[in-house]
Amino acid sequence: MILIQLLFGWPAIILFMALATLGAFKSDKKLMVVALIWSLPNTYFISGYNGWIQFAVLYLPISFGVSVYLVESKWNIVPKLLLIPAYAFYAALGLAVVNQ
């Protein structure tokens, strides 16, 4: 049960968003790669839902992948900006869960 929570639940979401944020602000490619890999099980899990959630399933891995590429370049502001929609998505998802 703990492994499932670490791969698919809110602890996983908090972990990979924290890693992505640290990687973006410290310009650390390794943290961004770990965040990308850690986000894959969660995005696969939510890919079965309909509507606007399927957009996030495509957006999260692509944005983390682009961030891995751009984090150490002269365009290092882009990874920080790509985190904004990810935070907005998980805030909306959290509100949907709370308001059930």
Protein backbone atom coordinates (compact mmCIF):
# COMPACT_ATOMS: atom_id res chain seq x y z
CA MET A 1 0.00 0.00 0.00
CA ILE A 2 2.83 2.41 0.81
CA LEU A 3 4.50 1.68 -2.55
CA ILE A 4 1.25 2.41 -4.37
CA GLN A 5 0.92 5.74 -2.55
CA LEU A 6 4.52 6.62 -3.38
CA LEU A 7 3.97 5.89 -7.08
CA PHE A 8 0.45 7.12 -7.70
CA GLY A 9 -0.88 9.15 -4.77
CA TRP A 10 -0.56 12.63 -3.40
CA PRO A 11 2.84 11.90 -1.81
CA ALA A 12 4.17 11.12 -5.30
CA ILE A 13 2.67 14.32 -6.69
CA ILE A 14 4.18 16.42 -3.91
CA LEU A 15 7.53 14.69 -4.35
CA PHE A 16 7.91 15.11 -8.09
CA MET A 17 6.56 18.67 -8.07
CA ALA A 18 9.04 19.55 -5.31
CA LEU A 19 11.87 17.92 -7.27
CA ALA A 20 10.85 19.75 -10.44
CA THR A 21 10.68 23.05 -8.60
CA LEU A 22 14.08 22.56 -7.00
CA GLY A 23 15.54 21.44 -10.32
CA ALA A 24 14.13 24.45 -12.15
CA PHE A 25 15.26 27.03 -9.61
CA LYS A 26 18.68 25.50 -8.95
CA SER A 27 19.24 24.67 -12.66
CA ASP A 28 19.93 21.05 -11.77
CA LYS A 29 19.36 18.65 -14.65
CA LYS A 30 19.51 15.55 -12.42
CA LEU A 31 16.61 16.70 -10.27
CA MET A 32 14.55 17.44 -13.38
CA VAL A 33 15.24 13.96 -14.77
CA VAL A 34 14.20 12.35 -11.48
CA ALA A 35 11.02 14.48 -11.44
CA LEU A 36 10.26 13.41 -15.01
CA ILE A 37 10.72 9.73 -14.24
CA TRP A 38 8.76 9.97 -10.97
CA SER A 39 5.84 11.70 -12.74
CA LEU A 40 5.36 8.96 -15.35
CA PRO A 41 3.43 6.45 -13.17
CA ASN A 42 1.12 9.19 -11.94
CA THR A 43 0.40 10.54 -15.40
CA TYR A 44 -0.21 7.02 -16.68
CA PHE A 45 -2.65 6.43 -13.82
CA ILE A 46 -4.69 9.55 -14.54
CA SER A 47 -4.67 8.94 -18.31
CA GLY A 48 -7.86 6.90 -18.01
CA TYR A 49 -10.01 9.91 -17.10
CA ASN A 50 -11.96 11.92 -19.64
CA GLY A 51 -12.03 15.61 -20.39
CA TRP A 52 -9.40 18.18 -19.62
CA ILE A 53 -7.36 15.76 -17.51
CA GLN A 54 -6.06 14.04 -20.66
CA PHE A 55 -4.41 17.32 -21.67
CA ALA A 56 -2.44 17.27 -18.43
CA VAL A 57 -1.38 13.69 -19.09
CA LEU A 58 0.35 14.88 -22.24
CA TYR A 59 1.52 18.20 -20.85
CA LEU A 60 3.34 17.04 -17.72
CA PRO A 61 5.90 14.63 -19.23
CA ILE A 62 6.45 16.87 -22.25
CA SER A 63 6.98 19.96 -20.11
CA PHE A 64 9.35 18.12 -17.77
CA GLY A 65 11.25 16.77 -20.78
CA VAL A 66 11.58 20.24 -22.29
CA SER A 67 12.65 21.53 -18.88
CA VAL A 68 15.39 18.89 -18.68
CA TYR A 69 16.71 20.11 -22.00
CA LEU A 70 16.45 23.84 -21.23
CA VAL A 71 17.36 23.98 -17.54
CA GLU A 72 21.08 24.51 -18.14
CA SER A 73 20.78 26.67 -21.25
CA LYS A 74 20.39 30.41 -21.66
CA TRP A 75 16.60 29.86 -21.68
CA ASN A 76 16.56 28.80 -18.02
CA ILE A 77 13.41 30.87 -17.30
CA VAL A 78 11.31 28.51 -19.45
CA PRO A 79 11.42 25.55 -17.00
CA LYS A 80 10.16 27.84 -14.25
CA LEU A 81 7.31 29.05 -16.43
CA LEU A 82 6.40 25.51 -17.47
CA LEU A 83 5.74 24.65 -13.82
CA ILE A 84 2.87 27.13 -13.54
CA PRO A 85 0.30 25.04 -15.49
CA ALA A 86 1.40 21.90 -13.62
CA TYR A 87 0.74 23.59 -10.27
CA ALA A 88 -2.58 24.91 -11.57
CA PHE A 89 -3.59 21.41 -12.71
CA TYR A 90 -2.79 19.78 -9.39
CA ALA A 91 -4.48 22.61 -7.48
CA ALA A 92 -7.64 22.07 -9.55
CA LEU A 93 -7.38 18.31 -9.08
CA GLY A 94 -6.95 18.78 -5.34
CA LEU A 95 -10.04 21.02 -5.20
CA ALA A 96 -12.02 18.44 -7.15
CA VAL A 97 -10.99 15.73 -4.69
CA VAL A 98 -11.79 17.87 -1.65
CA ASN A 99 -15.19 18.93 -2.99
CA GLN A 100 -16.44 15.41 -3.76
